[in-house]
Protein backbone atom coordinates (compact mmCIF):
# COMPACT_ATOMS: atom_id res chain seq x y z
CA MET A 1 -29.42 13.32 28.71
CA ALA A 2 -29.10 9.52 28.70
CA ARG A 3 -29.45 9.53 24.92
CA ARG A 4 -26.59 12.03 24.56
CA SER A 5 -24.39 9.89 26.82
CA MET A 6 -25.21 6.83 24.74
CA VAL A 7 -24.33 8.65 21.52
CA CYS A 8 -21.02 9.81 23.03
CA LEU A 9 -20.26 6.26 24.18
CA ILE A 10 -21.00 4.81 20.74
CA LEU A 11 -18.91 7.51 19.09
CA MET A 12 -15.96 6.82 21.41
CA PHE A 13 -16.23 3.07 20.74
CA PHE A 14 -16.24 3.73 17.01
CA ILE A 15 -13.16 5.98 17.25
CA PHE A 16 -11.26 3.44 19.35
CA SER A 17 -12.18 0.59 17.01
CA ILE A 18 -10.79 2.59 14.08
CA ALA A 19 -7.60 3.28 16.04
CA ALA A 20 -7.24 -0.48 16.52
CA SER A 21 -7.11 -0.94 12.76
CA ILE A 22 -4.15 1.41 12.60
CA ASP A 23 -2.18 -0.67 15.08
CA ASP A 24 -1.60 -3.50 12.62
CA LYS A 25 0.92 -1.72 10.43
CA CYS A 26 2.37 -5.04 9.29
CA GLY A 27 -1.01 -6.23 8.02
CA ALA A 28 -1.72 -2.90 6.34
CA CYS A 29 1.74 -2.87 4.74
CA ASN A 30 1.21 -6.40 3.44
CA ALA A 31 -2.09 -5.30 1.87
CA VAL A 32 -0.33 -2.40 0.11
CA ALA A 33 2.43 -4.80 -1.00
CA GLU A 34 -0.21 -7.20 -2.34
CA GLU A 35 -1.73 -4.42 -4.45
CA LEU A 36 1.71 -3.38 -5.75
CA GLU A 37 2.43 -7.01 -6.57
CA LEU A 38 -0.81 -7.20 -8.57
CA GLY A 39 0.42 -4.18 -10.51
CA LEU A 40 3.71 -5.95 -11.25
CA LEU A 41 1.89 -9.08 -12.38
CA LYS A 42 -0.49 -7.13 -14.63
CA GLU A 43 2.37 -5.20 -16.21
CA LYS A 44 2.50 -5.62 -19.97
CA PRO A 45 5.82 -5.71 -21.83
CA ARG A 46 6.64 -2.26 -23.18
CA ASN A 47 9.03 -0.99 -25.78
CA HIS A 48 12.02 1.15 -24.95
CA LEU A 49 11.43 4.85 -24.47
CA ASP A 50 12.80 6.85 -27.36
CA MET A 51 14.10 10.15 -25.97
CA ARG A 52 15.73 11.19 -29.26
CA HIS A 53 13.62 14.25 -29.94
CA ARG A 54 16.27 16.65 -31.26
CA LEU A 55 18.06 16.64 -34.58
CA ASP A 56 21.75 17.43 -35.00
CA SER A 57 23.23 19.50 -37.85
CA LYS A 58 23.22 16.41 -40.11
CA GLY A 59 19.54 15.65 -39.48
CA GLN A 60 20.26 12.70 -37.19
CA ARG A 61 18.16 12.21 -34.06
CA VAL A 62 20.03 12.99 -30.84
CA GLY A 63 19.21 11.65 -27.37
CA LYS A 64 18.88 8.34 -25.56
CA VAL A 65 16.78 5.23 -25.88
CA ILE A 66 15.87 4.05 -22.37
CA ASP A 67 14.76 0.55 -21.43
CA TYR A 68 11.22 0.85 -19.98
CA ARG A 69 12.04 -1.66 -17.21
CA VAL A 70 14.61 0.73 -15.68
CA SER A 71 12.75 3.96 -16.42
CA GLU A 72 11.19 6.47 -14.06
CA LEU A 73 8.00 6.12 -16.13
CA ARG A 74 7.65 2.49 -15.02
CA VAL A 75 7.95 3.55 -11.37
CA VAL A 76 5.28 6.21 -11.90
CA ASP A 77 3.01 3.71 -13.68
CA LEU A 78 3.31 1.25 -10.78
CA LEU A 79 3.02 3.67 -7.86
CA GLU A 80 0.63 6.31 -9.19
CA GLY A 81 -2.89 5.47 -8.12
CA LEU A 82 -1.74 2.68 -5.80
CA CYS A 83 -3.21 4.36 -2.73
CA ASP A 84 -6.48 5.05 -4.57
CA LYS A 85 -6.74 1.30 -5.20
CA MET A 86 -6.45 0.79 -1.44
CA LEU A 87 -9.92 2.35 -1.14
CA ASP A 88 -11.15 -1.09 -2.27
CA TYR A 89 -9.79 -2.66 0.95
CA THR A 90 -11.33 -2.90 4.40
CA LEU A 91 -10.61 -4.56 7.71
CA GLU A 92 -12.50 -7.81 8.17
CA LYS A 93 -12.81 -9.94 11.28
CA VAL A 94 -11.16 -13.34 10.75
CA ASP A 95 -11.90 -14.72 14.20
CA LEU A 96 -12.56 -13.38 17.70
CA THR A 97 -9.09 -11.92 18.15
CA ARG A 98 -7.80 -11.29 14.64
CA ARG A 99 -8.64 -9.00 11.75
CA GLU A 100 -7.05 -8.70 8.34
CA TRP A 101 -7.14 -6.35 5.39
CA VAL A 102 -9.13 -7.73 2.46
CA ARG A 103 -10.05 -6.48 -0.97
CA VAL A 104 -13.77 -5.79 -1.28
CA ASP A 105 -15.47 -6.85 -4.49
CA HIS A 106 -19.03 -6.04 -3.41
CA TRP A 107 -19.57 -3.41 -0.72
CA ASP A 108 -23.11 -4.69 -0.11
CA ASN A 109 -21.92 -8.17 0.98
CA LEU A 110 -19.94 -7.12 4.05
CA THR A 111 -20.26 -8.43 7.60
CA ILE A 112 -19.71 -4.90 8.97
CA SER A 113 -21.60 -1.72 8.16
CA LYS A 114 -20.80 -0.07 4.86
CA GLN A 115 -19.92 3.20 6.63
CA GLU A 116 -17.45 1.44 8.94
CA ALA A 117 -15.93 -0.43 6.00
CA LYS A 118 -15.49 2.82 4.04
CA THR A 119 -13.80 4.39 7.09
CA TYR A 120 -11.31 1.52 7.21
CA ALA A 121 -10.74 1.95 3.47
CA LYS A 122 -9.86 5.62 3.98
CA ASP A 123 -7.54 4.65 6.83
CA ILE A 124 -5.54 2.21 4.73
CA SER A 125 -5.44 4.61 1.79
CA THR A 126 -3.98 7.28 4.07
CA TYR A 127 -1.55 4.74 5.52
CA CYS A 128 -0.50 3.84 1.97
CA GLY A 129 0.26 7.49 1.20
CA ARG A 130 2.45 7.79 4.28
CA LEU A 131 4.17 4.47 3.58
CA LEU A 132 5.01 5.51 0.03
CA GLU A 133 6.17 8.91 1.21
CA GLU A 134 8.58 7.24 3.65
CA THR A 135 9.90 4.61 1.24
CA GLU A 136 9.39 6.12 -2.23
CA ASP A 137 13.01 6.90 -3.11
CA GLU A 138 14.38 3.50 -2.05
CA LEU A 139 11.39 1.68 -3.54
CA ALA A 140 11.77 3.52 -6.86
CA GLU A 141 15.47 2.63 -7.05
CA LEU A 142 14.75 -1.04 -6.31
CA ILE A 143 12.03 -1.14 -8.98
CA LYS A 144 14.36 0.47 -11.54
CA LYS A 145 17.18 -1.95 -10.68
CA GLY A 146 14.80 -4.89 -11.10
CA SER A 147 15.35 -5.92 -7.47
CA ILE A 148 11.63 -6.17 -6.78
CA GLN A 149 9.92 -9.13 -8.39
CA ALA A 150 6.43 -10.50 -7.95
CA GLY A 151 6.57 -12.71 -4.87
CA ASP A 152 8.98 -10.66 -2.77
CA VAL A 153 7.26 -7.26 -2.69
CA SER A 154 5.97 -7.79 0.85
CA LYS A 155 9.41 -8.72 2.17
CA VAL A 156 11.12 -5.77 0.51
CA LEU A 157 8.47 -3.16 1.34
CA CYS A 158 7.33 -4.30 4.78
CA GLN A 159 10.47 -5.82 6.26
CA ASP A 160 13.44 -4.20 4.55
CA LEU A 161 12.25 -0.67 3.75
CA SER A 162 9.49 0.30 6.21
CA LYS A 163 10.43 -2.13 9.01
CA HIS A 164 6.73 -2.54 9.85
CA CYS A 165 7.14 -6.33 9.87
CA HIS A 166 9.94 -8.62 10.91
CA VAL A 167 10.61 -12.32 10.53
CA SER A 168 10.52 -14.58 13.55
CA SER A 169 10.49 -18.36 13.23
CA GLY A 170 10.08 -18.10 9.48
CA LYS A 171 6.78 -16.23 9.79
CA GLN A 172 6.04 -12.53 9.29
CA SER A 173 4.80 -10.79 12.38
CA VAL A 174 4.15 -7.33 13.69
CA ASP A 175 7.23 -5.67 15.13
CA ASP A 176 6.71 -5.07 18.85
CA ASN A 177 7.95 -1.49 18.58
CA MET A 178 5.68 -0.73 15.63
CA ASN A 179 2.59 -2.22 17.23
CA GLU A 180 2.23 0.64 19.68
CA SER A 181 -0.23 3.26 18.51
CA ASP A 182 1.50 6.54 17.77
CA GLY A 183 -1.60 8.38 16.70
CA GLU A 184 -0.77 8.04 13.02
CA LEU A 185 -1.52 5.47 10.41
């Protein structure tokens, strides 16, 4: 009986510790923004997209040539797989009171258990999916307009679009209203 109670207690502690990771939406958003920014930095110059696939009666190609930088394809290239890349992140303790999302290079060199780290990775991947679902249309338009550049992704995504962070005294911080746990990522 005591063993069952201990297992239940450990399980409840584990569930509540995972819920705590969800509370820092600003930190999680910044981690997603960091990964998107890496995608922007790794982007290779591409040619225009030739959409002239039909021929007119004179044998001339008909259609448009679209600049890759303003194309829907670029948006898809940047956002597709972004949340899968978040599976390489986990929540790591920085000091006694603070944790932050970090990219994991070697899952065997963690200060927390591998199972716990993988759970955090699933949490942030799920959060990423919800974040993109909420902001995808506006984010896609900003990417196509060229309004998002490497260096300001976090501000645009986390402050302007999702409102998960706000600026106070020149420093990003968690919005008081967003810090309350709502049962979702």
